[in-house]
């Protein structure tokens, strides 16, 4: 969890607490069924993670790239 997630509302595509309203009991060993709604939410979450990862890689590459040296050196 990041610090800004505590204070800001979750962006579109993130899991929210209202989505997790299922209670699984110890006696119930059956698997839950995947509905089309759940699959859709999983796809959105995966796309969001992918975009954030690409943005993070771009930020890192610009941060650690070798600075351009002016023409005509020592």
Protein backbone atom coordinates (compact mmCIF):
# COMPACT_ATOMS: atom_id res chain seq x y z
CA UNK A 1 0.00 0.00 0.00
CA UNK A 2 1.24 3.44 -0.84
CA UNK A 3 0.85 6.47 1.37
CA UNK A 4 -1.34 8.34 -1.10
CA UNK A 5 -3.81 5.42 -1.11
CA UNK A 6 -4.63 6.17 2.53
CA UNK A 7 -5.75 9.74 1.89
CA UNK A 8 -7.05 9.65 -1.68
CA UNK A 9 -9.95 7.65 -3.02
CA UNK A 10 -9.05 4.60 -5.08
CA UNK A 11 -8.83 5.34 -8.82
CA UNK A 12 -11.04 3.59 -11.33
CA UNK A 13 -10.06 -0.05 -11.80
CA UNK A 14 -8.95 -0.70 -8.23
CA UNK A 15 -10.61 -3.11 -5.86
CA UNK A 16 -12.85 -1.51 -3.26
CA UNK A 17 -14.10 -2.71 0.10
CA UNK A 18 -17.71 -2.76 -1.06
CA UNK A 19 -16.76 -5.36 -3.71
CA UNK A 20 -15.58 -7.80 -1.06
CA UNK A 21 -18.80 -8.73 0.66
CA UNK A 22 -18.38 -12.48 0.66
CA UNK A 23 -17.70 -14.48 3.78
CA UNK A 24 -16.21 -17.93 3.31
CA UNK A 25 -16.78 -20.34 6.17
CA UNK A 26 -14.41 -23.10 7.15
CA UNK A 27 -17.02 -25.82 6.54
CA UNK A 28 -17.65 -24.62 3.01
CA UNK A 29 -14.84 -26.07 0.88
CA UNK A 30 -16.44 -25.45 -2.51
CA UNK A 31 -14.82 -22.99 -4.85
CA UNK A 32 -16.66 -19.81 -5.69
CA UNK A 33 -17.84 -19.40 -9.26
CA UNK A 34 -16.35 -16.81 -11.53
CA UNK A 35 -19.04 -14.63 -13.00
CA UNK A 36 -18.64 -12.40 -16.03
CA UNK A 37 -18.76 -9.38 -13.72
CA UNK A 38 -15.81 -10.68 -11.70
CA UNK A 39 -13.86 -11.51 -14.85
CA UNK A 40 -14.50 -7.99 -16.14
CA UNK A 41 -13.24 -6.46 -12.89
CA UNK A 42 -10.15 -8.69 -12.95
CA UNK A 43 -9.38 -7.58 -16.52
CA UNK A 44 -9.72 -3.91 -15.57
CA UNK A 45 -7.45 -4.40 -12.54
CA UNK A 46 -4.87 -6.18 -14.69
CA UNK A 47 -4.95 -3.40 -17.32
CA UNK A 48 -4.53 -0.77 -14.59
CA UNK A 49 -1.55 -2.61 -13.11
CA UNK A 50 0.02 -2.95 -16.55
CA UNK A 51 -0.31 0.78 -17.28
CA UNK A 52 1.11 1.70 -13.87
CA UNK A 53 4.06 -0.67 -14.38
CA UNK A 54 4.86 0.84 -17.78
CA UNK A 55 4.68 4.35 -16.31
CA UNK A 56 6.98 3.31 -13.47
CA UNK A 57 9.51 1.87 -15.94
CA UNK A 58 9.44 5.11 -17.97
CA UNK A 59 10.04 7.16 -14.83
CA UNK A 60 12.94 4.93 -13.79
CA UNK A 61 14.52 5.02 -17.23
CA UNK A 62 14.41 8.83 -17.32
CA UNK A 63 15.76 9.01 -13.78
CA UNK A 64 18.77 6.77 -14.37
CA UNK A 65 19.64 7.55 -18.00
CA UNK A 66 23.09 8.93 -18.74
CA UNK A 67 22.94 12.73 -19.05
CA UNK A 68 23.72 14.15 -22.48
CA UNK A 69 27.14 15.82 -22.61
CA UNK A 70 27.54 19.07 -24.54
CA UNK A 71 29.53 18.87 -27.81
CA UNK A 72 33.19 19.75 -27.59
CA UNK A 73 34.67 18.26 -24.50
CA UNK A 74 37.87 18.75 -22.61
